[in-house]
Amino acid sequence: MSDHEPIHVTVPGSPDDPRAPRDVPEGVIVHYVPELHPDDVCVVDGIPMTSPSRTLIDLAEVMDAAELRECFANARELGLLDLEELAAARARVEWRPSLAMLDEVIAEFS
């Protein structure tokens, strides 16, 4: 086991797709999602990744409200919390169990 936290990678598609990566390196967790809207993707140093707003939305699935608030606060401190982009990204998200909590946290930062 590694002393490091796992790296989470978002891949468009389904794990049932025969084209899905099968040889995932140790320490990497692959999340399969429907194709992302272009506004939910940004490129940093040539690497495509989810936008800050989409990342905050996705984190709601794996964090409790206190942890999510901390991420929102950090994003705001770093100048990455754009409430208009966040609202647009939230509108594109299909139903998830975490949406009620996410909406509460968004309201606290609005």
N, C-alpha and C. Protein backbone atom coordinates (compact mmCIF):
# COMPACT_ATOMS: atom_id res chain seq x y z
N MET A 1 0.84 -1.19 0.00
CA MET A 1 0.00 0.00 0.00
C MET A 1 0.88 1.24 0.00
N SER A 2 0.37 2.24 -0.62
CA SER A 2 1.06 3.52 -0.70
C SER A 2 0.68 4.38 0.49
N ASP A 3 1.57 5.31 0.85
CA ASP A 3 1.29 6.26 1.91
C ASP A 3 0.48 7.44 1.41
N HIS A 4 0.18 7.47 0.13
CA HIS A 4 -0.51 8.60 -0.49
C HIS A 4 -1.99 8.29 -0.68
N GLU A 5 -2.76 9.36 -0.73
CA GLU A 5 -4.19 9.23 -1.05
C GLU A 5 -4.31 8.79 -2.51
N PRO A 6 -5.38 8.09 -2.85
CA PRO A 6 -5.55 7.67 -4.25
C PRO A 6 -5.80 8.87 -5.16
N ILE A 7 -5.48 8.69 -6.42
CA ILE A 7 -5.76 9.69 -7.45
C ILE A 7 -7.08 9.30 -8.09
N HIS A 8 -8.00 10.25 -8.14
CA HIS A 8 -9.31 10.01 -8.75
C HIS A 8 -9.30 10.56 -10.16
N VAL A 9 -9.70 9.72 -11.12
CA VAL A 9 -9.73 10.10 -12.53
C VAL A 9 -11.16 9.93 -13.03
N THR A 10 -11.67 10.95 -13.72
CA THR A 10 -13.00 10.89 -14.31
C THR A 10 -12.87 10.57 -15.79
N VAL A 11 -13.60 9.54 -16.22
CA VAL A 11 -13.53 9.08 -17.60
C VAL A 11 -14.94 9.04 -18.16
N PRO A 12 -15.15 9.63 -19.35
CA PRO A 12 -16.48 9.52 -19.95
C PRO A 12 -16.75 8.08 -20.37
N GLY A 13 -17.96 7.63 -20.14
CA GLY A 13 -18.33 6.29 -20.55
C GLY A 13 -18.84 5.45 -19.40
N SER A 14 -18.76 4.14 -19.58
CA SER A 14 -19.27 3.18 -18.62
C SER A 14 -18.21 2.11 -18.37
N PRO A 15 -18.13 1.59 -17.15
CA PRO A 15 -17.16 0.52 -16.91
C PRO A 15 -17.50 -0.75 -17.69
N ASP A 16 -18.74 -0.85 -18.16
CA ASP A 16 -19.15 -2.02 -18.96
C ASP A 16 -18.73 -1.91 -20.41
N ASP A 17 -18.29 -0.73 -20.81
CA ASP A 17 -17.86 -0.49 -22.19
C ASP A 17 -16.56 -1.27 -22.42
N PRO A 18 -16.50 -2.09 -23.47
CA PRO A 18 -15.28 -2.87 -23.71
C PRO A 18 -14.06 -2.00 -23.98
N ARG A 19 -14.27 -0.72 -24.31
CA ARG A 19 -13.14 0.19 -24.53
C ARG A 19 -12.64 0.81 -23.23
N ALA A 20 -13.33 0.56 -22.12
CA ALA A 20 -12.95 1.15 -20.84
C ALA A 20 -11.59 0.60 -20.41
N PRO A 21 -10.78 1.44 -19.78
CA PRO A 21 -9.45 0.98 -19.34
C PRO A 21 -9.58 -0.16 -18.33
N ARG A 22 -8.84 -1.21 -18.57
CA ARG A 22 -8.88 -2.37 -17.68
C ARG A 22 -7.66 -2.40 -16.75
N ASP A 23 -6.54 -1.93 -17.23
CA ASP A 23 -5.32 -1.97 -16.45
C ASP A 23 -5.12 -0.63 -15.75
N VAL A 24 -5.83 -0.45 -14.65
CA VAL A 24 -5.73 0.80 -13.90
C VAL A 24 -4.61 0.64 -12.88
N PRO A 25 -3.67 1.58 -12.88
CA PRO A 25 -2.55 1.47 -11.94
C PRO A 25 -3.02 1.49 -10.48
N GLU A 26 -2.25 0.86 -9.63
CA GLU A 26 -2.55 0.87 -8.20
C GLU A 26 -2.55 2.32 -7.72
N GLY A 27 -3.50 2.65 -6.87
CA GLY A 27 -3.59 4.00 -6.33
C GLY A 27 -4.42 4.94 -7.17
N VAL A 28 -5.01 4.42 -8.26
CA VAL A 28 -5.86 5.24 -9.13
C VAL A 28 -7.28 4.69 -9.05
N ILE A 29 -8.24 5.58 -8.83
CA ILE A 29 -9.65 5.21 -8.82
C ILE A 29 -10.30 5.88 -10.02
N VAL A 30 -10.95 5.07 -10.87
CA VAL A 30 -11.58 5.59 -12.08
C VAL A 30 -13.08 5.75 -11.82
N HIS A 31 -13.60 6.94 -12.12
CA HIS A 31 -15.03 7.22 -12.04
C HIS A 31 -15.55 7.40 -13.46
N TYR A 32 -16.57 6.64 -13.82
CA TYR A 32 -17.15 6.73 -15.16
C TYR A 32 -18.37 7.64 -15.09
N VAL A 33 -18.45 8.57 -16.01
CA VAL A 33 -19.56 9.53 -16.05
C VAL A 33 -20.03 9.69 -17.49
N PRO A 34 -21.27 10.16 -17.65
CA PRO A 34 -21.70 10.51 -19.02
C PRO A 34 -20.77 11.61 -19.56
N GLU A 35 -20.77 11.77 -20.84
CA GLU A 35 -19.94 12.81 -21.46
C GLU A 35 -20.19 14.14 -20.75
N LEU A 36 -19.12 14.83 -20.39
CA LEU A 36 -19.25 16.10 -19.68
C LEU A 36 -19.54 17.24 -20.65
N HIS A 37 -20.29 18.21 -20.18
CA HIS A 37 -20.54 19.43 -20.94
C HIS A 37 -19.19 20.15 -21.10
N PRO A 38 -18.93 20.78 -22.23
CA PRO A 38 -17.65 21.47 -22.43
C PRO A 38 -17.32 22.49 -21.34
N ASP A 39 -18.34 23.14 -20.77
CA ASP A 39 -18.09 24.12 -19.71
C ASP A 39 -17.70 23.47 -18.39
N ASP A 40 -17.86 22.15 -18.27
CA ASP A 40 -17.49 21.44 -17.05
C ASP A 40 -16.06 20.90 -17.12
N VAL A 41 -15.37 21.23 -18.20
CA VAL A 41 -14.00 20.76 -18.40
C VAL A 41 -13.09 21.97 -18.60
N CYS A 42 -11.92 21.91 -17.99
CA CYS A 42 -10.90 22.94 -18.25
C CYS A 42 -9.58 22.21 -18.52
N VAL A 43 -8.62 22.92 -19.05
CA VAL A 43 -7.32 22.32 -19.35
C VAL A 43 -6.26 23.09 -18.57
N VAL A 44 -5.48 22.36 -17.78
CA VAL A 44 -4.41 22.95 -17.00
C VAL A 44 -3.12 22.25 -17.39
N ASP A 45 -2.17 23.02 -17.87
CA ASP A 45 -0.88 22.46 -18.32
C ASP A 45 -1.08 21.31 -19.30
N GLY A 46 -2.07 21.46 -20.18
CA GLY A 46 -2.31 20.46 -21.22
C GLY A 46 -3.11 19.25 -20.76
N ILE A 47 -3.54 19.24 -19.51
CA ILE A 47 -4.28 18.09 -18.98
C ILE A 47 -5.74 18.48 -18.80
N PRO A 48 -6.66 17.79 -19.48
CA PRO A 48 -8.08 18.09 -19.28
C PRO A 48 -8.53 17.60 -17.90
N MET A 49 -9.30 18.43 -17.23
CA MET A 49 -9.83 18.07 -15.91
C MET A 49 -11.16 18.75 -15.70
N THR A 50 -11.88 18.31 -14.69
CA THR A 50 -13.16 18.95 -14.41
C THR A 50 -12.90 20.37 -13.91
N SER A 51 -13.82 21.26 -14.26
CA SER A 51 -13.72 22.66 -13.83
C SER A 51 -13.86 22.72 -12.31
N PRO A 52 -13.42 23.82 -11.70
CA PRO A 52 -13.60 23.94 -10.24
C PRO A 52 -15.06 23.76 -9.82
N SER A 53 -15.99 24.34 -10.57
CA SER A 53 -17.41 24.22 -10.20
C SER A 53 -17.86 22.77 -10.27
N ARG A 54 -17.52 22.07 -11.34
CA ARG A 54 -17.93 20.66 -11.48
C ARG A 54 -17.25 19.81 -10.41
N THR A 55 -16.01 20.13 -10.08
CA THR A 55 -15.31 19.38 -9.04
C THR A 55 -16.03 19.51 -7.71
N LEU A 56 -16.45 20.74 -7.36
CA LEU A 56 -17.18 20.94 -6.11
C LEU A 56 -18.48 20.14 -6.10
N ILE A 57 -19.16 20.11 -7.23
CA ILE A 57 -20.41 19.34 -7.33
C ILE A 57 -20.13 17.85 -7.15
N ASP A 58 -19.09 17.35 -7.78
CA ASP A 58 -18.75 15.93 -7.67
C ASP A 58 -18.32 15.56 -6.25
N LEU A 59 -17.64 16.49 -5.56
CA LEU A 59 -17.19 16.21 -4.20
C LEU A 59 -18.35 15.99 -3.24
N ALA A 60 -19.50 16.57 -3.56
CA ALA A 60 -20.68 16.39 -2.70
C ALA A 60 -21.08 14.92 -2.59
N GLU A 61 -20.69 14.12 -3.57
CA GLU A 61 -21.03 12.69 -3.55
C GLU A 61 -20.20 11.91 -2.54
N VAL A 62 -19.04 12.44 -2.17
CA VAL A 62 -18.13 11.65 -1.33
C VAL A 62 -17.76 12.36 -0.03
N MET A 63 -18.37 13.51 0.23
CA MET A 63 -18.05 14.27 1.44
C MET A 63 -19.33 14.56 2.22
N ASP A 64 -19.14 14.85 3.51
CA ASP A 64 -20.28 15.34 4.27
C ASP A 64 -20.32 16.86 4.13
N ALA A 65 -21.34 17.48 4.69
CA ALA A 65 -21.55 18.93 4.50
C ALA A 65 -20.38 19.75 5.05
N ALA A 66 -19.83 19.36 6.19
CA ALA A 66 -18.71 20.13 6.76
C ALA A 66 -17.49 20.08 5.85
N GLU A 67 -17.19 18.91 5.32
CA GLU A 67 -16.04 18.78 4.41
C GLU A 67 -16.28 19.58 3.14
N LEU A 68 -17.51 19.53 2.63
CA LEU A 68 -17.82 20.26 1.40
C LEU A 68 -17.72 21.76 1.63
N ARG A 69 -18.21 22.24 2.79
CA ARG A 69 -18.08 23.67 3.12
C ARG A 69 -16.61 24.10 3.12
N GLU A 70 -15.75 23.25 3.66
CA GLU A 70 -14.32 23.56 3.69
C GLU A 70 -13.76 23.67 2.27
N CYS A 71 -14.19 22.79 1.38
CA CYS A 71 -13.74 22.87 -0.02
C CYS A 71 -14.25 24.13 -0.69
N PHE A 72 -15.51 24.50 -0.43
CA PHE A 72 -16.05 25.74 -0.97
C PHE A 72 -15.26 26.93 -0.45
N ALA A 73 -14.95 26.93 0.84
CA ALA A 73 -14.19 28.04 1.43
C ALA A 73 -12.80 28.12 0.80
N ASN A 74 -12.16 26.98 0.62
CA ASN A 74 -10.84 26.96 -0.01
C ASN A 74 -10.91 27.47 -1.45
N ALA A 75 -11.93 27.04 -2.18
CA ALA A 75 -12.09 27.49 -3.57
C ALA A 75 -12.31 29.00 -3.61
N ARG A 76 -13.11 29.52 -2.68
CA ARG A 76 -13.33 30.97 -2.63
C ARG A 76 -12.03 31.70 -2.33
N GLU A 77 -11.27 31.19 -1.37
CA GLU A 77 -10.00 31.82 -0.99
C GLU A 77 -9.01 31.83 -2.16
N LEU A 78 -9.05 30.80 -2.99
CA LEU A 78 -8.14 30.70 -4.14
C LEU A 78 -8.67 31.43 -5.38
N GLY A 79 -9.86 32.02 -5.26
CA GLY A 79 -10.45 32.72 -6.40
C GLY A 79 -11.05 31.78 -7.43
N LEU A 80 -11.38 30.57 -7.02
CA LEU A 80 -11.91 29.56 -7.95
C LEU A 80 -13.41 29.36 -7.81
N LEU A 81 -14.04 30.04 -6.86
CA LEU A 81 -15.48 29.89 -6.65
C LEU A 81 -16.22 30.96 -7.44
N ASP A 82 -16.76 30.54 -8.57
CA ASP A 82 -17.54 31.44 -9.44
C ASP A 82 -18.99 30.99 -9.33
N LEU A 83 -19.81 31.79 -8.64
CA LEU A 83 -21.18 31.38 -8.36
C LEU A 83 -22.03 31.24 -9.61
N GLU A 84 -21.77 32.05 -10.64
CA GLU A 84 -22.52 31.90 -11.89
C GLU A 84 -22.17 30.59 -12.59
N GLU A 85 -20.87 30.28 -12.65
CA GLU A 85 -20.45 29.01 -13.25
C GLU A 85 -20.98 27.83 -12.44
N LEU A 86 -20.96 27.98 -11.12
CA LEU A 86 -21.45 26.92 -10.25
C LEU A 86 -22.94 26.67 -10.48
N ALA A 87 -23.72 27.74 -10.59
CA ALA A 87 -25.16 27.59 -10.85
C ALA A 87 -25.41 26.91 -12.20
N ALA A 88 -24.64 27.28 -13.20
CA ALA A 88 -24.80 26.67 -14.53
C ALA A 88 -24.42 25.19 -14.48
N ALA A 89 -23.33 24.87 -13.81
CA ALA A 89 -22.90 23.47 -13.70
C ALA A 89 -23.92 22.66 -12.91
N ARG A 90 -24.44 23.26 -11.84
CA ARG A 90 -25.45 22.56 -11.02
C ARG A 90 -26.70 22.26 -11.85
N ALA A 91 -27.09 23.17 -12.71
CA ALA A 91 -28.28 22.98 -13.54
C ALA A 91 -28.10 21.82 -14.53
N ARG A 92 -26.87 21.51 -14.88
CA ARG A 92 -26.60 20.43 -15.84
C ARG A 92 -26.52 19.05 -15.19
N VAL A 93 -26.47 19.00 -13.88
CA VAL A 93 -26.27 17.73 -13.18
C VAL A 93 -27.59 16.99 -13.04
N GLU A 94 -27.56 15.71 -13.39
CA GLU A 94 -28.74 14.87 -13.20
C GLU A 94 -28.92 14.62 -11.70
N TRP A 95 -30.06 14.05 -11.35
CA TRP A 95 -30.35 13.80 -9.95
C TRP A 95 -29.27 12.95 -9.31
N ARG A 96 -28.91 13.33 -8.08
CA ARG A 96 -27.97 12.56 -7.26
C ARG A 96 -28.46 12.64 -5.82
N PRO A 97 -28.13 11.66 -5.00
CA PRO A 97 -28.55 11.72 -3.60
C PRO A 97 -28.01 12.94 -2.86
N SER A 98 -26.88 13.46 -3.30
CA SER A 98 -26.22 14.56 -2.58
C SER A 98 -26.74 15.95 -2.94
N LEU A 99 -27.69 16.05 -3.86
CA LEU A 99 -28.08 17.38 -4.35
C LEU A 99 -28.68 18.28 -3.29
N ALA A 100 -29.46 17.73 -2.36
CA ALA A 100 -30.05 18.57 -1.32
C ALA A 100 -28.96 19.21 -0.47
N MET A 101 -27.97 18.41 -0.06
CA MET A 101 -26.86 18.94 0.73
C MET A 101 -26.07 19.95 -0.10
N LEU A 102 -25.80 19.62 -1.35
CA LEU A 102 -25.06 20.52 -2.22
C LEU A 102 -25.77 21.87 -2.33
N ASP A 103 -27.08 21.83 -2.54
CA ASP A 103 -27.84 23.08 -2.67
C ASP A 103 -27.78 23.91 -1.39
N GLU A 104 -27.79 23.25 -0.23
CA GLU A 104 -27.67 23.97 1.04
C GLU A 104 -26.31 24.67 1.14
N VAL A 105 -25.25 23.98 0.77
CA VAL A 105 -23.91 24.57 0.85
C VAL A 105 -23.78 25.70 -0.16
N ILE A 106 -24.29 25.51 -1.36
CA ILE A 106 -24.25 26.58 -2.36
C ILE A 106 -24.96 27.82 -1.82
N ALA A 107 -26.12 27.63 -1.19
CA ALA A 107 -26.88 28.76 -0.64
C ALA A 107 -26.08 29.50 0.43
N GLU A 108 -25.32 28.78 1.22
CA GLU A 108 -24.50 29.40 2.26
C GLU A 108 -23.41 30.30 1.67
N PHE A 109 -22.95 29.98 0.48
CA PHE A 109 -21.86 30.74 -0.14
C PHE A 109 -22.36 31.76 -1.15
N SER A 110 -23.66 31.83 -1.34
CA SER A 110 -24.23 32.78 -2.32
C SER A 110 -24.46 34.14 -1.69
